[in-house]
Amino acid sequence: MNAVYTLFHEYEKAPGADETTLIGIYTTREKAEAALARVRDKPGFRDYPDGFDISEAVLDRDEWTEGFVRMIGDKVVES
């Protein structure tokens, strides 16, 4: 196995503030899709049905290599 599948749910809690939930990490896309089917009608998730994302994550590979900045709105407040 060289990849896993992540299932996240995200919605905008307030303007500029997203709420992200990691639901699980699965060995196959099919298992991630089955998990989505199990939670899609649960409280909270059912209110934001477009917030689900299944992504493939390759093991032993950097996904984010460029650092980050902190922003409020469209302004950088730290670098």
N, C-alpha and C. Protein backbone atom coordinates (compact mmCIF):
# COMPACT_ATOMS: atom_id res chain seq x y z
N MET A 1 0.85 -1.18 0.00
CA MET A 1 0.00 0.00 0.00
C MET A 1 0.89 1.24 0.00
N ASN A 2 0.65 2.14 -0.93
CA ASN A 2 1.42 3.37 -0.96
C ASN A 2 0.54 4.60 -0.85
N ALA A 3 -0.77 4.39 -0.62
CA ALA A 3 -1.68 5.53 -0.47
C ALA A 3 -2.82 5.16 0.46
N VAL A 4 -3.40 6.19 1.06
CA VAL A 4 -4.61 6.05 1.87
C VAL A 4 -5.59 7.12 1.39
N TYR A 5 -6.81 7.03 1.87
CA TYR A 5 -7.86 7.98 1.47
C TYR A 5 -8.41 8.65 2.71
N THR A 6 -8.40 9.98 2.69
CA THR A 6 -8.91 10.75 3.82
C THR A 6 -10.32 11.23 3.51
N LEU A 7 -11.14 11.24 4.54
CA LEU A 7 -12.50 11.78 4.43
C LEU A 7 -12.61 12.94 5.40
N PHE A 8 -12.78 14.13 4.85
CA PHE A 8 -12.95 15.35 5.63
C PHE A 8 -14.33 15.93 5.37
N HIS A 9 -14.80 16.71 6.33
CA HIS A 9 -15.99 17.53 6.13
C HIS A 9 -15.63 18.95 6.54
N GLU A 10 -15.99 19.93 5.71
CA GLU A 10 -15.67 21.32 5.99
C GLU A 10 -16.86 22.21 5.65
N TYR A 11 -17.08 23.21 6.49
CA TYR A 11 -18.10 24.22 6.20
C TYR A 11 -17.67 25.55 6.79
N GLU A 12 -18.26 26.63 6.31
CA GLU A 12 -17.93 27.95 6.81
C GLU A 12 -18.77 28.23 8.05
N LYS A 13 -18.11 28.25 9.20
CA LYS A 13 -18.78 28.45 10.49
C LYS A 13 -19.18 29.91 10.67
N ALA A 14 -18.32 30.80 10.23
CA ALA A 14 -18.55 32.24 10.25
C ALA A 14 -17.74 32.82 9.09
N PRO A 15 -18.04 34.04 8.66
CA PRO A 15 -17.26 34.60 7.55
C PRO A 15 -15.76 34.52 7.82
N GLY A 16 -15.06 33.83 6.95
CA GLY A 16 -13.61 33.68 7.07
C GLY A 16 -13.16 32.62 8.06
N ALA A 17 -14.09 31.87 8.66
CA ALA A 17 -13.73 30.85 9.65
C ALA A 17 -14.36 29.52 9.26
N ASP A 18 -13.53 28.62 8.77
CA ASP A 18 -14.00 27.29 8.37
C ASP A 18 -13.86 26.31 9.52
N GLU A 19 -14.79 25.39 9.60
CA GLU A 19 -14.75 24.29 10.57
C GLU A 19 -14.46 23.02 9.78
N THR A 20 -13.35 22.36 10.10
CA THR A 20 -12.94 21.16 9.38
C THR A 20 -12.91 19.98 10.33
N THR A 21 -13.50 18.86 9.89
CA THR A 21 -13.53 17.63 10.68
C THR A 21 -12.92 16.50 9.88
N LEU A 22 -11.90 15.86 10.44
CA LEU A 22 -11.37 14.64 9.84
C LEU A 22 -12.26 13.50 10.31
N ILE A 23 -12.96 12.89 9.38
CA ILE A 23 -13.85 11.78 9.73
C ILE A 23 -13.08 10.48 9.82
N GLY A 24 -12.13 10.27 8.91
CA GLY A 24 -11.35 9.05 8.98
C GLY A 24 -10.34 8.93 7.85
N ILE A 25 -9.48 7.92 8.00
CA ILE A 25 -8.45 7.60 7.01
C ILE A 25 -8.64 6.13 6.65
N TYR A 26 -8.71 5.84 5.36
CA TYR A 26 -9.12 4.51 4.89
C TYR A 26 -8.13 3.95 3.88
N THR A 27 -8.10 2.64 3.80
CA THR A 27 -7.15 1.97 2.90
C THR A 27 -7.62 1.96 1.46
N THR A 28 -8.90 2.19 1.21
CA THR A 28 -9.41 2.24 -0.17
C THR A 28 -10.41 3.38 -0.31
N ARG A 29 -10.58 3.85 -1.53
CA ARG A 29 -11.59 4.88 -1.81
C ARG A 29 -12.99 4.34 -1.48
N GLU A 30 -13.21 3.07 -1.77
CA GLU A 30 -14.52 2.46 -1.51
C GLU A 30 -14.87 2.51 -0.02
N LYS A 31 -13.88 2.26 0.84
CA LYS A 31 -14.13 2.33 2.29
C LYS A 31 -14.42 3.76 2.73
N ALA A 32 -13.72 4.73 2.13
CA ALA A 32 -13.99 6.14 2.44
C ALA A 32 -15.40 6.52 1.99
N GLU A 33 -15.81 6.05 0.81
CA GLU A 33 -17.16 6.33 0.32
C GLU A 33 -18.22 5.68 1.21
N ALA A 34 -17.95 4.48 1.72
CA ALA A 34 -18.88 3.82 2.64
C ALA A 34 -19.00 4.61 3.94
N ALA A 35 -17.89 5.14 4.43
CA ALA A 35 -17.92 5.96 5.65
C ALA A 35 -18.74 7.22 5.41
N LEU A 36 -18.56 7.85 4.26
CA LEU A 36 -19.35 9.03 3.93
C LEU A 36 -20.84 8.69 3.95
N ALA A 37 -21.21 7.56 3.38
CA ALA A 37 -22.61 7.14 3.38
C ALA A 37 -23.14 6.95 4.80
N ARG A 38 -22.27 6.48 5.72
CA ARG A 38 -22.70 6.26 7.11
C ARG A 38 -22.94 7.56 7.87
N VAL A 39 -22.19 8.63 7.52
CA VAL A 39 -22.28 9.87 8.31
C VAL A 39 -23.06 10.98 7.62
N ARG A 40 -23.34 10.86 6.35
CA ARG A 40 -23.93 11.99 5.60
C ARG A 40 -25.24 12.49 6.19
N ASP A 41 -26.02 11.65 6.82
CA ASP A 41 -27.31 12.07 7.38
C ASP A 41 -27.26 12.33 8.88
N LYS A 42 -26.06 12.34 9.46
CA LYS A 42 -25.92 12.61 10.90
C LYS A 42 -26.07 14.11 11.16
N PRO A 43 -26.45 14.47 12.41
CA PRO A 43 -26.60 15.88 12.76
C PRO A 43 -25.33 16.68 12.42
N GLY A 44 -25.54 17.86 11.90
CA GLY A 44 -24.43 18.72 11.49
C GLY A 44 -24.01 18.44 10.07
N PHE A 45 -23.59 17.22 9.79
CA PHE A 45 -23.17 16.88 8.44
C PHE A 45 -24.31 17.06 7.44
N ARG A 46 -25.51 16.67 7.82
CA ARG A 46 -26.64 16.75 6.88
C ARG A 46 -27.00 18.19 6.53
N ASP A 47 -26.59 19.15 7.38
CA ASP A 47 -26.86 20.56 7.11
C ASP A 47 -25.92 21.14 6.07
N TYR A 48 -24.80 20.48 5.82
CA TYR A 48 -23.80 20.94 4.85
C TYR A 48 -23.38 19.77 3.96
N PRO A 49 -24.29 19.27 3.13
CA PRO A 49 -24.00 18.06 2.36
C PRO A 49 -22.90 18.21 1.32
N ASP A 50 -22.58 19.44 0.94
CA ASP A 50 -21.52 19.65 -0.05
C ASP A 50 -20.14 19.78 0.58
N GLY A 51 -20.05 19.61 1.90
CA GLY A 51 -18.79 19.82 2.59
C GLY A 51 -17.86 18.63 2.65
N PHE A 52 -18.25 17.49 2.09
CA PHE A 52 -17.42 16.29 2.16
C PHE A 52 -16.34 16.29 1.09
N ASP A 53 -15.17 15.75 1.46
CA ASP A 53 -14.07 15.61 0.51
C ASP A 53 -13.32 14.31 0.79
N ILE A 54 -13.17 13.51 -0.24
CA ILE A 54 -12.33 12.31 -0.18
C ILE A 54 -11.11 12.59 -1.03
N SER A 55 -9.93 12.44 -0.44
CA SER A 55 -8.68 12.70 -1.15
C SER A 55 -7.71 11.55 -0.97
N GLU A 56 -6.96 11.28 -2.01
CA GLU A 56 -5.89 10.29 -1.92
C GLU A 56 -4.66 10.96 -1.33
N ALA A 57 -4.03 10.30 -0.36
CA ALA A 57 -2.79 10.79 0.24
C ALA A 57 -1.72 9.73 0.03
N VAL A 58 -0.69 10.10 -0.71
CA VAL A 58 0.41 9.18 -0.97
C VAL A 58 1.31 9.15 0.26
N LEU A 59 1.64 7.96 0.73
CA LEU A 59 2.47 7.81 1.92
C LEU A 59 3.92 8.18 1.63
N ASP A 60 4.59 8.69 2.65
CA ASP A 60 6.02 9.03 2.59
C ASP A 60 6.33 10.11 1.56
N ARG A 61 5.38 11.02 1.33
CA ARG A 61 5.60 12.14 0.40
C ARG A 61 5.14 13.42 1.08
N ASP A 62 5.97 14.46 1.01
CA ASP A 62 5.58 15.76 1.55
C ASP A 62 4.46 16.33 0.68
N GLU A 63 3.41 16.82 1.32
CA GLU A 63 2.29 17.42 0.60
C GLU A 63 2.32 18.94 0.65
N TRP A 64 2.92 19.49 1.70
CA TRP A 64 2.95 20.94 1.86
C TRP A 64 4.38 21.32 2.20
N THR A 65 5.06 21.98 1.29
CA THR A 65 6.49 22.23 1.48
C THR A 65 6.87 23.71 1.49
N GLU A 66 5.90 24.61 1.36
CA GLU A 66 6.22 26.02 1.16
C GLU A 66 6.00 26.90 2.37
N GLY A 67 5.73 26.34 3.54
CA GLY A 67 5.47 27.16 4.72
C GLY A 67 4.08 27.77 4.65
N PHE A 68 3.81 28.76 5.53
CA PHE A 68 2.49 29.39 5.52
C PHE A 68 2.57 30.78 6.12
N VAL A 69 1.54 31.56 5.92
CA VAL A 69 1.38 32.87 6.55
C VAL A 69 0.03 32.88 7.24
N ARG A 70 -0.08 33.71 8.25
CA ARG A 70 -1.36 33.88 8.95
C ARG A 70 -2.07 35.08 8.35
N MET A 71 -3.35 34.91 8.06
CA MET A 71 -4.11 35.99 7.43
C MET A 71 -5.39 36.25 8.19
N ILE A 72 -5.80 37.50 8.19
CA ILE A 72 -7.12 37.90 8.64
C ILE A 72 -7.75 38.60 7.45
N GLY A 73 -8.84 38.00 6.96
CA GLY A 73 -9.42 38.51 5.72
C GLY A 73 -8.42 38.33 4.60
N ASP A 74 -8.09 39.41 3.91
CA ASP A 74 -7.11 39.32 2.82
C ASP A 74 -5.77 39.94 3.19
N LYS A 75 -5.54 40.16 4.50
CA LYS A 75 -4.29 40.79 4.95
C LYS A 75 -3.42 39.81 5.72
N VAL A 76 -2.13 39.79 5.35
CA VAL A 76 -1.15 38.97 6.07
C VAL A 76 -0.83 39.67 7.38
N VAL A 77 -0.96 38.94 8.51
CA VAL A 77 -0.66 39.53 9.82
C VAL A 77 0.64 39.00 10.40
N GLU A 78 1.15 37.91 9.88
CA GLU A 78 2.45 37.37 10.28
C GLU A 78 3.05 36.69 9.07
N SER A 79 4.37 36.63 9.03
CA SER A 79 5.00 35.85 7.95
C SER A 79 6.16 35.07 8.49
